[in-house]
Amino acid sequence: MEANGLGPQGFPELKNDTFLRAAWGEETDYTPVWCMRQAGRYLPEFRETRAAQDFFSTCRSPEACCELTLQPLRRFPLDAAIIFSDILVVPQALGMEVTMVPGKGPSFPEPLREEQDLERLRDPAVVASELGYVFQAITLTRQRLAGRVPLIGFAGAPWTLMTYMVEGGGSSTMAQAKRWLYQRPQASHQLLRILTDALVPYLVGQVVAGAQALQLFESHAGHLGPQLFNKFALPYIRDVAKRVKARLREAGLAPVPMIIFAKDGHFALEELSQAGYEVVGLDWTVAPKKARECVGKTVTLQGNLDPCALYASEEEIGQLVKQMLDDFGPQRYIANLGHGLYPDMDPEHVGAFVDAVHKHSRLLRQN
């Protein structure tokens, strides 16, 4: 590190690297913790900042993204920040219109319906140049974090992005997207390749901009059984990690740990642990000890408290956290929820969760 307290890229020197050490599988003095959707509507200050503009306008404002990213860190001693953005900025950059409908979620007025609709998509090579606003938000946030904790960048995995682009929004069955997999396997692979080709430079660009770790969200893994997952999701998940790492090496950039979170993908844990990611995220439906048996000792696990456990009393949250930490063990582990925080959760209870992880993990190491 340079004498002026600036790191190699001119960013402030990192003071708390516990999250990164755990991600790389190094020993830590306590268990690091962050929460998916920690910058979210459960915070009154988030609702206040967001009230002024529509969702994707917020995503396009580096200043707003930075402020939203930093809000939870002012309240809680979290061990990582995750940039405020959305996985659907990638389909947008490919030329698809996406709007966020209050109370309903994302909506694509013109989803992909026919194979020839793929011709409407922009060249994936231009996607990163369309997403400069995300890179600016990361650089600004990294400066303003002043080295407090590492900053995580993220993206949606190809299959999950495909589901939105074909369904035109959320879906309880993903029947339209799965119809593509069965009826149009070639076109499906073509779309998944386009998405992969867009994601690689996007994720590399996030690291260049200052992201110190990357998480890939395969939020809709659970709609695929093992066969479809191994055919249409896993190869692209692997490809993203392999190509991002190769690009970083070629650019002479230090590697960053990568996290794969495949929600409801319990049937693929073993494969995911060998997909080229340092960390495998778990949802709350997976028993920690079983997961550890499944993935072995070579990866770090992240998760997996049921977010709804935060509706319990603070005392019970403490007990649930203690049990979770006992089950995961002290090393190669990052505490998190098994899904994002919900808008009606009490910030005090989020604080109780974070504090309980720090307290119990220190006690666990003493004994």
Protein backbone atom coordinates (compact mmCIF):
# COMPACT_ATOMS: atom_id res chain seq x y z
CA MET A 1 0.00 0.00 0.00
CA GLU A 2 1.23 3.52 -0.76
CA ALA A 3 2.19 5.72 2.18
CA ASN A 4 -0.70 8.13 1.62
CA GLY A 5 -3.25 5.51 2.66
CA LEU A 6 -4.40 4.99 -0.92
CA GLY A 7 -4.55 1.50 -2.40
CA PRO A 8 -3.14 0.49 -5.78
CA GLN A 9 -6.08 1.95 -7.77
CA GLY A 10 -5.97 5.21 -5.85
CA PHE A 11 -8.84 4.15 -3.56
CA PRO A 12 -8.66 4.58 0.23
CA GLU A 13 -6.92 1.68 1.96
CA LEU A 14 -9.24 -1.09 3.19
CA LYS A 15 -9.56 -1.14 6.98
CA ASN A 16 -11.84 -4.17 7.42
CA ASP A 17 -11.05 -7.09 5.08
CA THR A 18 -12.81 -9.79 7.14
CA PHE A 19 -15.40 -10.46 4.43
CA LEU A 20 -12.72 -10.81 1.72
CA ARG A 21 -10.58 -13.08 3.91
CA ALA A 22 -13.55 -15.37 4.59
CA ALA A 23 -14.42 -15.39 0.88
CA TRP A 24 -10.88 -16.52 0.01
CA GLY A 25 -11.04 -19.20 2.71
CA GLU A 26 -8.56 -17.51 5.06
CA GLU A 27 -8.96 -17.51 8.83
CA THR A 28 -10.98 -14.68 10.40
CA ASP A 29 -11.31 -13.46 13.99
CA TYR A 30 -15.09 -13.42 13.72
CA THR A 31 -17.74 -14.27 11.13
CA PRO A 32 -18.37 -11.45 8.65
CA VAL A 33 -21.97 -10.57 7.85
CA TRP A 34 -23.94 -8.60 5.27
CA CYS A 35 -27.56 -8.86 4.08
CA MET A 36 -28.96 -9.28 0.63
CA ARG A 37 -31.10 -6.21 -0.08
CA GLN A 38 -29.53 -4.40 2.89
CA ALA A 39 -30.14 -1.19 0.94
CA GLY A 40 -33.90 -1.55 0.81
CA ARG A 41 -37.36 -0.30 1.58
CA TYR A 42 -37.25 -1.52 5.19
CA LEU A 43 -35.13 1.60 5.88
CA PRO A 44 -37.16 4.83 6.21
CA GLU A 45 -34.21 6.81 4.81
CA PHE A 46 -34.21 4.55 1.73
CA ARG A 47 -37.91 5.25 1.14
CA GLU A 48 -37.23 8.97 1.54
CA THR A 49 -34.34 9.00 -0.96
CA ARG A 50 -36.23 6.83 -3.45
CA ALA A 51 -39.55 8.74 -3.20
CA ALA A 52 -38.42 11.47 -5.58
CA GLN A 53 -37.78 9.43 -8.72
CA ASP A 54 -38.73 6.25 -10.53
CA PHE A 55 -36.78 3.07 -9.89
CA PHE A 56 -34.59 2.87 -13.00
CA SER A 57 -33.89 6.62 -12.90
CA THR A 58 -32.49 5.98 -9.42
CA CYS A 59 -30.35 3.14 -10.83
CA ARG A 60 -29.00 5.57 -13.45
CA SER A 61 -27.98 8.17 -10.86
CA PRO A 62 -24.51 7.39 -9.42
CA GLU A 63 -25.12 9.87 -6.60
CA ALA A 64 -28.43 8.19 -5.59
CA CYS A 65 -26.95 4.66 -5.86
CA CYS A 66 -24.03 5.68 -3.69
CA GLU A 67 -26.28 7.21 -1.02
CA LEU A 68 -28.56 4.13 -0.95
CA THR A 69 -25.56 1.78 -0.77
CA LEU A 70 -24.11 3.66 2.21
CA GLN A 71 -27.36 4.03 4.22
CA PRO A 72 -27.33 0.58 5.88
CA LEU A 73 -23.65 1.03 6.82
CA ARG A 74 -24.49 4.17 8.78
CA ARG A 75 -26.90 2.12 10.89
CA PHE A 76 -25.24 -1.27 11.22
CA PRO A 77 -21.64 -2.56 11.53
CA LEU A 78 -21.96 -4.65 8.34
CA ASP A 79 -18.79 -6.22 6.93
CA ALA A 80 -19.53 -5.48 3.27
CA ALA A 81 -21.47 -3.04 1.09
CA ILE A 82 -23.25 -4.12 -2.09
CA ILE A 83 -23.81 -1.55 -4.81
CA PHE A 84 -27.42 -0.46 -5.23
CA SER A 85 -28.52 -1.47 -8.72
CA ASP A 86 -30.74 -4.08 -10.38
CA ILE A 87 -30.13 -7.25 -12.37
CA LEU A 88 -32.47 -5.97 -15.12
CA VAL A 89 -30.14 -3.16 -16.22
CA VAL A 90 -28.52 -5.82 -18.46
CA PRO A 91 -31.68 -6.61 -20.51
CA GLN A 92 -32.21 -2.83 -20.69
CA ALA A 93 -28.71 -2.34 -22.08
CA LEU A 94 -29.49 -5.06 -24.66
CA GLY A 95 -32.28 -2.77 -25.88
CA MET A 96 -35.32 -4.14 -24.06
CA GLU A 97 -37.73 -1.77 -22.36
CA VAL A 98 -38.24 -2.50 -18.66
CA THR A 99 -40.40 -0.54 -16.25
CA MET A 100 -40.84 -1.02 -12.52
CA VAL A 101 -44.54 -1.11 -11.71
CA PRO A 102 -45.17 -0.10 -8.07
CA GLY A 103 -46.69 -3.00 -6.16
CA LYS A 104 -46.21 -5.39 -9.08
CA GLY A 105 -42.49 -5.42 -9.86
CA PRO A 106 -40.62 -5.36 -13.17
CA SER A 107 -42.51 -5.38 -16.43
CA PHE A 108 -41.31 -5.82 -20.04
CA PRO A 109 -43.94 -4.31 -22.38
CA GLU A 110 -42.50 -6.31 -25.30
CA PRO A 111 -41.07 -9.60 -24.05
CA LEU A 112 -39.29 -12.11 -26.29
CA ARG A 113 -42.05 -14.19 -27.85
CA GLU A 114 -40.52 -15.66 -31.04
CA GLU A 115 -37.05 -16.76 -32.02
CA GLN A 116 -36.75 -13.82 -34.41
CA ASP A 117 -37.23 -11.47 -31.44
CA LEU A 118 -33.59 -12.22 -30.58
CA GLU A 119 -32.66 -10.08 -33.59
CA ARG A 120 -34.04 -7.05 -31.72
CA LEU A 121 -31.29 -7.38 -29.10
CA ARG A 122 -28.22 -5.16 -29.30
CA ASP A 123 -24.74 -6.59 -29.77
CA PRO A 124 -23.67 -7.82 -26.29
CA ALA A 125 -20.27 -6.17 -26.88
CA VAL A 126 -21.88 -2.72 -26.45
CA VAL A 127 -23.63 -3.54 -23.17
CA ALA A 128 -20.79 -2.42 -20.90
CA SER A 129 -20.63 0.94 -22.67
CA GLU A 130 -24.38 1.36 -21.99
CA LEU A 131 -23.86 0.68 -18.27
CA GLY A 132 -21.29 3.37 -17.47
CA TYR A 133 -23.68 4.72 -14.82
CA VAL A 134 -23.19 1.52 -12.77
CA PHE A 135 -19.41 1.82 -13.04
CA GLN A 136 -19.59 5.48 -11.98
CA ALA A 137 -21.76 4.53 -8.99
CA ILE A 138 -19.21 1.87 -7.94
CA THR A 139 -16.24 4.25 -8.21
CA LEU A 140 -18.04 7.01 -6.30
CA THR A 141 -19.18 4.58 -3.58
CA ARG A 142 -15.74 3.04 -3.26
CA GLN A 143 -14.29 6.55 -2.69
CA ARG A 144 -16.98 7.49 -0.16
CA LEU A 145 -16.71 4.19 1.71
CA ALA A 146 -13.22 5.43 2.63
CA GLY A 147 -11.98 1.87 3.07
CA ARG A 148 -14.52 0.99 5.76
CA VAL A 149 -15.57 -2.32 4.21
CA PRO A 150 -15.28 -3.98 0.78
CA LEU A 151 -17.77 -3.17 -1.98
CA ILE A 152 -19.58 -6.02 -3.77
CA GLY A 153 -20.69 -5.75 -7.41
CA PHE A 154 -23.31 -8.08 -8.86
CA ALA A 155 -25.33 -9.27 -11.83
CA GLY A 156 -28.13 -11.70 -12.61
CA ALA A 157 -27.14 -15.05 -14.10
CA PRO A 158 -28.15 -15.83 -17.73
CA TRP A 159 -31.08 -18.18 -17.00
CA THR A 160 -32.62 -15.78 -14.46
CA LEU A 161 -32.32 -12.85 -16.91
CA MET A 162 -33.81 -15.01 -19.67
CA THR A 163 -36.87 -15.75 -17.51
CA TYR A 164 -37.67 -12.04 -17.18
CA MET A 165 -37.05 -11.35 -20.86
CA VAL A 166 -39.35 -14.16 -21.99
CA GLU A 167 -42.01 -13.99 -19.26
CA GLY A 168 -42.18 -10.21 -19.38
CA GLY A 169 -41.95 -10.00 -15.58
CA GLY A 170 -42.14 -12.24 -12.54
CA SER A 171 -43.92 -15.60 -12.76
CA SER A 172 -44.81 -18.34 -10.30
CA THR A 173 -44.17 -21.16 -12.80
CA MET A 174 -41.77 -19.74 -15.44
CA ALA A 175 -43.85 -21.77 -17.90
CA GLN A 176 -43.14 -19.46 -20.86
CA ALA A 177 -39.38 -19.46 -20.27
CA LYS A 178 -39.36 -23.23 -19.75
CA ARG A 179 -41.45 -23.70 -22.89
CA TRP A 180 -38.51 -22.11 -24.73
CA LEU A 181 -36.09 -24.61 -23.17
CA TYR A 182 -38.20 -27.55 -24.36
CA GLN A 183 -39.49 -26.24 -27.70
CA ARG A 184 -36.62 -23.96 -28.76
CA PRO A 185 -33.46 -25.34 -27.18
CA GLN A 186 -31.18 -23.82 -29.88
CA ALA A 187 -32.72 -20.35 -29.57
CA SER A 188 -32.55 -20.68 -25.77
CA HIS A 189 -28.83 -21.44 -25.93
CA GLN A 190 -28.38 -18.53 -28.33
CA LEU A 191 -30.09 -16.16 -25.87
CA LEU A 192 -28.11 -17.54 -22.92
CA ARG A 193 -24.88 -17.03 -24.89
CA ILE A 194 -25.84 -13.44 -25.71
CA LEU A 195 -26.46 -12.82 -22.01
CA THR A 196 -23.17 -14.45 -21.02
CA ASP A 197 -21.30 -12.36 -23.60
CA ALA A 198 -22.92 -9.25 -22.08
CA LEU A 199 -22.30 -10.23 -18.46
CA VAL A 200 -18.57 -10.93 -18.73
CA PRO A 201 -17.46 -7.40 -19.73
CA TYR A 202 -20.09 -5.93 -17.39
CA LEU A 203 -18.67 -7.78 -14.37
CA VAL A 204 -15.07 -7.06 -15.38
CA GLY A 205 -16.05 -3.39 -15.76
CA GLN A 206 -17.40 -3.42 -12.20
CA VAL A 207 -14.02 -4.63 -10.92
CA VAL A 208 -12.16 -2.02 -12.98
CA ALA A 209 -14.52 0.57 -11.43
CA GLY A 210 -13.69 -0.61 -7.91
CA ALA A 211 -15.81 -3.66 -6.98
CA GLN A 212 -13.82 -5.91 -4.62
CA ALA A 213 -16.06 -9.00 -4.94
CA LEU A 214 -18.79 -10.12 -7.35
CA GLN A 215 -22.05 -11.99 -6.73
CA LEU A 216 -24.01 -13.72 -9.48
CA PHE A 217 -27.72 -14.14 -8.68
CA GLU A 218 -29.37 -17.23 -10.17
CA SER A 219 -32.62 -16.32 -8.42
CA HIS A 220 -34.80 -18.67 -10.48
CA ALA A 221 -32.71 -21.84 -10.21
CA GLY A 222 -35.53 -23.59 -8.36
CA HIS A 223 -37.80 -23.64 -11.41
CA LEU A 224 -35.36 -25.96 -13.17
CA GLY A 225 -34.89 -29.57 -12.14
CA PRO A 226 -31.38 -31.05 -12.17
CA GLN A 227 -31.50 -31.94 -15.90
CA LEU A 228 -32.59 -28.54 -17.16
CA PHE A 229 -30.27 -26.80 -14.69
CA ASN A 230 -27.25 -28.79 -15.86
CA LYS A 231 -28.10 -28.04 -19.46
CA PHE A 232 -29.29 -24.42 -19.46
CA ALA A 233 -28.00 -22.78 -16.27
CA LEU A 234 -24.82 -24.40 -14.98
CA PRO A 235 -22.72 -24.19 -18.19
CA TYR A 236 -23.29 -20.43 -18.36
CA ILE A 237 -22.67 -19.94 -14.62
CA ARG A 238 -19.34 -21.72 -15.11
CA ASP A 239 -18.54 -19.75 -18.23
CA VAL A 240 -19.13 -16.40 -16.53
CA ALA A 241 -16.66 -17.21 -13.72
CA LYS A 242 -14.03 -18.65 -16.04
CA ARG A 243 -14.15 -15.77 -18.50
CA VAL A 244 -14.31 -13.00 -15.89
CA LYS A 245 -11.23 -14.44 -14.17
CA ALA A 246 -9.36 -14.82 -17.45
CA ARG A 247 -10.19 -11.21 -18.44
CA LEU A 248 -9.02 -9.86 -15.09
CA ARG A 249 -5.73 -11.75 -15.47
CA GLU A 250 -5.26 -10.48 -19.04
CA ALA A 251 -5.90 -6.91 -17.85
CA GLY A 252 -3.30 -7.33 -15.10
CA LEU A 253 -5.94 -6.84 -12.40
CA ALA A 254 -5.91 -8.65 -9.06
CA PRO A 255 -8.50 -11.44 -8.81
CA VAL A 256 -11.65 -10.81 -6.78
CA PRO A 257 -13.66 -13.50 -5.00
CA MET A 258 -16.85 -14.52 -6.79
CA ILE A 259 -20.08 -15.68 -5.15
CA ILE A 260 -22.77 -17.79 -6.81
CA PHE A 261 -26.23 -17.65 -5.23
CA ALA A 262 -28.66 -20.07 -6.87
CA LYS A 263 -31.90 -19.74 -4.93
CA ASP A 264 -33.65 -23.10 -4.39
CA GLY A 265 -30.77 -24.75 -6.24
CA HIS A 266 -30.08 -27.23 -3.42
CA PHE A 267 -30.05 -30.07 -5.98
CA ALA A 268 -26.98 -28.52 -7.65
CA LEU A 269 -24.85 -27.60 -4.63
CA GLU A 270 -22.07 -30.03 -5.47
CA GLU A 271 -21.88 -28.82 -9.09
CA LEU A 272 -22.00 -25.17 -8.00
CA SER A 273 -19.14 -25.74 -5.56
CA GLN A 274 -17.02 -26.83 -8.55
CA ALA A 275 -18.19 -24.09 -10.92
CA GLY A 276 -15.25 -21.75 -10.33
CA TYR A 277 -16.68 -19.57 -7.53
CA GLU A 278 -14.96 -19.03 -4.17
CA VAL A 279 -18.29 -18.71 -2.34
CA VAL A 280 -21.57 -20.59 -2.66
CA GLY A 281 -24.62 -18.77 -1.28
CA LEU A 282 -27.40 -20.80 0.32
CA ASP A 283 -31.10 -20.09 0.79
CA TRP A 284 -32.82 -20.96 4.07
CA THR A 285 -34.21 -24.30 2.85
CA VAL A 286 -30.77 -25.93 3.02
CA ALA A 287 -29.42 -27.42 6.25
CA PRO A 288 -25.92 -25.94 6.80
CA LYS A 289 -24.29 -29.24 7.82
CA LYS A 290 -25.69 -31.03 4.77
CA ALA A 291 -24.51 -28.20 2.53
CA ARG A 292 -21.01 -28.42 4.00
CA GLU A 293 -20.91 -32.19 3.39
CA CYS A 294 -22.04 -31.54 -0.17
CA VAL A 295 -19.53 -28.82 -1.10
CA GLY A 296 -16.51 -30.07 0.87
CA LYS A 297 -13.85 -27.86 2.35
CA THR A 298 -12.67 -25.99 -0.72
CA VAL A 299 -15.35 -23.27 -0.89
CA THR A 300 -16.77 -20.73 1.52
CA LEU A 301 -20.49 -20.91 2.29
CA GLN A 302 -22.69 -17.82 2.63
CA GLY A 303 -26.14 -17.61 4.19
CA ASN A 304 -28.70 -18.62 5.20
CA LEU A 305 -31.02 -17.41 7.96
CA ASP A 306 -34.69 -17.39 6.92
CA PRO A 307 -35.34 -13.67 6.38
CA CYS A 308 -38.69 -14.12 8.14
CA ALA A 309 -36.78 -15.05 11.31
CA LEU A 310 -36.28 -11.29 11.63
CA TYR A 311 -39.97 -11.07 12.57
CA ALA A 312 -39.07 -12.96 15.78
CA SER A 313 -38.06 -11.21 19.00
CA GLU A 314 -34.49 -9.94 19.23
CA GLU A 315 -33.80 -12.60 21.84
CA GLU A 316 -34.98 -15.37 19.54
CA ILE A 317 -32.98 -13.90 16.64
CA GLY A 318 -29.90 -14.27 18.86
CA GLN A 319 -30.70 -17.94 19.52
CA LEU A 320 -31.34 -18.68 15.85
CA VAL A 321 -28.07 -17.00 14.86
CA LYS A 322 -26.14 -18.97 17.49
CA GLN A 323 -27.59 -22.24 16.14
CA MET A 324 -26.76 -21.21 12.56
CA LEU A 325 -23.16 -20.32 13.45
CA ASP A 326 -22.73 -23.61 15.33
CA ASP A 327 -23.98 -25.51 12.27
CA PHE A 328 -21.78 -23.70 9.74
CA GLY A 329 -18.66 -23.68 11.91
CA PRO A 330 -16.25 -20.79 12.43
CA GLN A 331 -14.22 -20.72 9.22
CA ARG A 332 -14.93 -20.53 5.46
CA TYR A 333 -18.23 -18.90 6.27
CA ILE A 334 -19.97 -15.57 5.64
CA ALA A 335 -23.24 -14.95 7.48
CA ASN A 336 -26.20 -13.62 5.51
CA LEU A 337 -29.90 -14.22 5.08
CA GLY A 338 -31.21 -16.96 2.80
CA HIS A 339 -32.89 -14.30 0.63
CA GLY A 340 -33.22 -10.50 0.61
CA LEU A 341 -34.71 -8.38 3.38
CA TYR A 342 -38.43 -7.68 3.02
CA PRO A 343 -39.82 -4.12 3.06
CA ASP A 344 -41.84 -4.53 6.28
CA MET A 345 -38.91 -5.66 8.43
CA ASP A 346 -37.87 -3.74 11.52
CA PRO A 347 -34.40 -2.16 11.16
CA GLU A 348 -33.83 -2.82 14.88
CA HIS A 349 -34.14 -6.54 14.20
CA VAL A 350 -31.69 -6.32 11.32
CA GLY A 351 -29.27 -4.69 13.77
CA ALA A 352 -29.91 -7.49 16.27
CA PHE A 353 -29.05 -10.06 13.56
CA VAL A 354 -25.76 -8.33 12.67
CA ASP A 355 -24.75 -7.89 16.31
CA ALA A 356 -25.63 -11.49 17.16
CA VAL A 357 -23.39 -12.79 14.34
CA HIS A 358 -20.44 -10.74 15.59
CA LYS A 359 -20.99 -11.62 19.26
CA HIS A 360 -21.64 -15.36 18.90
CA SER A 361 -18.92 -15.92 16.32
CA ARG A 362 -16.33 -14.40 18.67
CA LEU A 363 -17.57 -16.57 21.54
CA LEU A 364 -17.54 -19.63 19.28
CA ARG A 365 -13.83 -19.06 18.56
CA GLN A 366 -12.95 -18.71 22.25
CA ASN A 367 -14.44 -22.08 23.15
